[in-house]
Amino acid sequence: MPRGRRPRAPEGEARPAPGRGKYYMISVVAKSYGIHPQTLRLYEREGLLKPSRTEGNTRLYSEDDLRQLEVILNLTRDLGVNLAGVEIILNMRRKMEQMQSEINEFVGHVRQELQKTSQEDGDTDASDQALVKVAPAPMVKAPDRPKEPVAGVKARDDV
């Protein structure tokens, strides 16, 4: 393999083709963010950015790529995080977003089930619709306690 050249993607593996929206070449992105194009190539090698490519293998950065770049630059420039730390933070953010979408999906499913059961039951009270059903405890009146003076406190009658 010639030095400095990356192997091309296997024929079976499809590259993301540019879709709709604006795409920017590496020179434009580097100039607008005040970084060297080699820095963008490094971010891609490290897996922090994944720009799409043309048939001629030119990198094209989408709006999503630029947002990701802004996060990377914020972490490295403003917060002093190294690239290993940036990778960990980005992976954690991705996992948190995935978990949040799973939670939203679950909550939507629970709401849907509650609506189904409330429509089926019609006029049931709220305790019948509870996720966990507990029988109400009987109420018992506590016995009256004798009034005992508290040590160090004078009663009103004594004043």
Protein backbone atom coordinates (compact mmCIF):
# COMPACT_ATOMS: atom_id res chain seq x y z
CA MET A 1 0.00 0.00 0.00
CA PRO A 2 1.41 3.43 -0.89
CA ARG A 3 2.43 5.49 2.06
CA GLY A 4 -0.08 8.10 3.22
CA ARG A 5 -2.99 6.52 1.35
CA ARG A 6 -5.92 4.99 3.11
CA PRO A 7 -7.36 1.77 1.73
CA ARG A 8 -10.64 2.29 -0.07
CA ALA A 9 -13.83 0.91 1.42
CA PRO A 10 -14.62 -2.63 0.23
CA GLU A 11 -17.08 -2.84 -2.64
CA GLY A 12 -19.81 -4.37 -0.45
CA GLU A 13 -19.56 -1.60 2.14
CA ALA A 14 -21.52 1.46 1.12
CA ARG A 15 -20.34 4.92 2.01
CA PRO A 16 -22.89 7.45 3.13
CA ALA A 17 -23.87 9.41 0.04
CA PRO A 18 -24.54 13.10 0.43
CA GLY A 19 -28.26 13.71 0.65
CA ARG A 20 -30.20 16.92 0.82
CA GLY A 21 -28.88 19.92 2.64
CA LYS A 22 -25.68 21.89 2.53
CA TYR A 23 -22.28 20.23 2.39
CA TYR A 24 -18.91 21.91 2.79
CA MET A 25 -15.46 20.93 1.57
CA ILE A 26 -12.61 20.52 4.02
CA SER A 27 -10.93 23.79 3.00
CA VAL A 28 -14.08 25.82 3.68
CA VAL A 29 -14.67 24.15 7.07
CA ALA A 30 -11.03 24.56 8.12
CA LYS A 31 -11.00 28.24 7.18
CA SER A 32 -14.34 29.06 8.82
CA TYR A 33 -13.36 27.37 12.13
CA GLY A 34 -9.76 28.58 12.10
CA ILE A 35 -8.18 25.13 12.13
CA HIS A 36 -5.80 23.31 9.82
CA PRO A 37 -7.26 20.75 7.39
CA GLN A 38 -4.89 18.16 8.90
CA THR A 39 -6.73 18.65 12.22
CA LEU A 40 -9.99 17.69 10.53
CA ARG A 41 -8.30 14.65 8.99
CA LEU A 42 -6.98 13.70 12.45
CA TYR A 43 -10.48 13.98 13.94
CA GLU A 44 -11.72 11.66 11.20
CA ARG A 45 -8.88 9.16 11.79
CA GLU A 46 -9.70 9.16 15.50
CA GLY A 47 -13.37 8.48 14.70
CA LEU A 48 -14.63 11.78 16.11
CA LEU A 49 -15.97 13.01 12.75
CA LYS A 50 -17.38 10.97 9.87
CA PRO A 51 -17.83 13.21 6.82
CA SER A 52 -19.43 11.73 3.74
CA ARG A 53 -17.44 11.44 0.54
CA THR A 54 -17.95 12.04 -3.13
CA GLU A 55 -17.13 9.51 -5.84
CA GLY A 56 -13.78 11.27 -6.17
CA ASN A 57 -13.17 10.67 -2.41
CA THR A 58 -13.53 14.35 -1.44
CA ARG A 59 -14.70 14.90 2.12
CA LEU A 60 -18.03 16.67 2.46
CA TYR A 61 -19.07 18.00 5.86
CA SER A 62 -22.81 18.23 6.60
CA GLU A 63 -24.56 20.50 9.11
CA ASP A 64 -24.53 17.58 11.60
CA ASP A 65 -20.77 17.17 11.09
CA LEU A 66 -20.29 20.89 11.78
CA ARG A 67 -22.33 20.66 15.01
CA GLN A 68 -20.17 17.70 16.06
CA LEU A 69 -17.04 19.69 15.19
CA GLU A 70 -18.26 22.60 17.33
CA VAL A 71 -18.68 20.24 20.28
CA ILE A 72 -15.18 18.83 19.73
CA LEU A 73 -13.66 22.31 19.48
CA ASN A 74 -15.53 23.47 22.58
CA LEU A 75 -14.22 20.49 24.55
CA THR A 76 -10.63 20.83 23.34
CA ARG A 77 -10.22 24.61 23.16
CA ASP A 78 -12.44 25.88 25.97
CA LEU A 79 -12.36 22.98 28.42
CA GLY A 80 -8.89 21.56 27.72
CA VAL A 81 -10.07 17.99 27.11
CA ASN A 82 -7.69 15.76 25.16
CA LEU A 83 -8.87 13.66 22.21
CA ALA A 84 -9.22 10.48 24.28
CA GLY A 85 -11.47 12.39 26.68
CA VAL A 86 -13.45 13.85 23.77
CA GLU A 87 -14.07 10.34 22.44
CA ILE A 88 -15.33 9.17 25.85
CA ILE A 89 -17.59 12.21 26.25
CA LEU A 90 -19.05 11.83 22.75
CA ASN A 91 -19.71 8.12 23.35
CA MET A 92 -21.42 8.92 26.65
CA ARG A 93 -23.57 11.60 24.98
CA ARG A 94 -24.56 9.15 22.25
CA LYS A 95 -25.52 6.51 24.84
CA MET A 96 -27.48 9.06 26.89
CA GLU A 97 -29.41 10.18 23.81
CA GLN A 98 -30.17 6.54 22.97
CA MET A 99 -31.35 5.87 26.53
CA GLN A 100 -33.50 9.00 26.48
CA SER A 101 -35.20 7.90 23.27
CA GLU A 102 -35.81 4.43 24.78
CA ILE A 103 -37.33 6.04 27.89
CA ASN A 104 -39.55 8.28 25.74
CA GLU A 105 -40.66 5.25 23.76
CA PHE A 106 -41.46 3.35 26.97
CA VAL A 107 -43.40 6.28 28.46
CA GLY A 108 -45.38 6.58 25.24
CA HIS A 109 -46.18 2.87 25.37
CA VAL A 110 -47.34 3.13 29.02
CA ARG A 111 -49.54 6.13 28.20
CA GLN A 112 -51.03 4.27 25.28
CA GLU A 113 -51.82 1.26 27.49
CA LEU A 114 -53.37 3.50 30.14
CA GLN A 115 -55.58 5.14 27.54
CA LYS A 116 -56.67 1.72 26.27
CA THR A 117 -57.60 0.50 29.74
CA SER A 118 -59.40 3.73 30.65
CA GLN A 119 -61.43 3.56 27.46
CA GLU A 120 -62.28 -0.10 28.06
CA ASP A 121 -63.24 0.41 31.70
CA GLY A 122 -65.15 3.61 31.16
CA ASP A 123 -66.13 4.86 34.62
CA THR A 124 -63.58 3.24 36.95
CA ASP A 125 -61.94 5.21 39.71
CA ALA A 126 -58.25 6.16 39.79
CA SER A 127 -57.23 3.34 42.14
CA ASP A 128 -58.32 0.78 39.56
CA GLN A 129 -56.01 2.37 36.97
CA ALA A 130 -52.92 2.38 39.18
CA LEU A 131 -49.84 0.57 37.95
CA VAL A 132 -49.41 -1.04 41.38
CA LYS A 133 -52.62 -1.87 43.20
CA VAL A 134 -52.57 -1.69 47.00
CA ALA A 135 -55.57 -2.16 49.25
CA PRO A 136 -56.23 0.92 51.40
CA ALA A 137 -55.21 0.50 55.03
CA PRO A 138 -57.95 0.94 57.67
CA MET A 139 -57.75 4.21 59.57
CA VAL A 140 -57.40 3.96 63.33
CA LYS A 141 -57.69 6.87 65.73
CA ALA A 142 -54.70 7.22 67.99
CA PRO A 143 -55.49 7.21 71.74
CA ASP A 144 -55.37 10.53 73.56
CA ARG A 145 -52.11 11.02 75.39
CA PRO A 146 -51.98 12.54 78.83
CA LYS A 147 -50.52 16.01 78.91
CA GLU A 148 -47.14 15.83 80.58
CA PRO A 149 -45.03 18.89 81.22
CA VAL A 150 -41.85 19.03 79.21
CA ALA A 151 -38.72 19.49 81.32
CA GLY A 152 -37.50 23.08 81.33
CA VAL A 153 -40.64 24.51 79.74
CA LYS A 154 -43.15 26.42 81.81
CA ALA A 155 -46.85 25.92 81.19
CA ARG A 156 -48.91 29.00 80.30
CA ASP A 157 -50.75 28.78 83.57
CA ASP A 158 -47.48 29.14 85.49
CA VAL A 159 -46.59 32.50 83.88
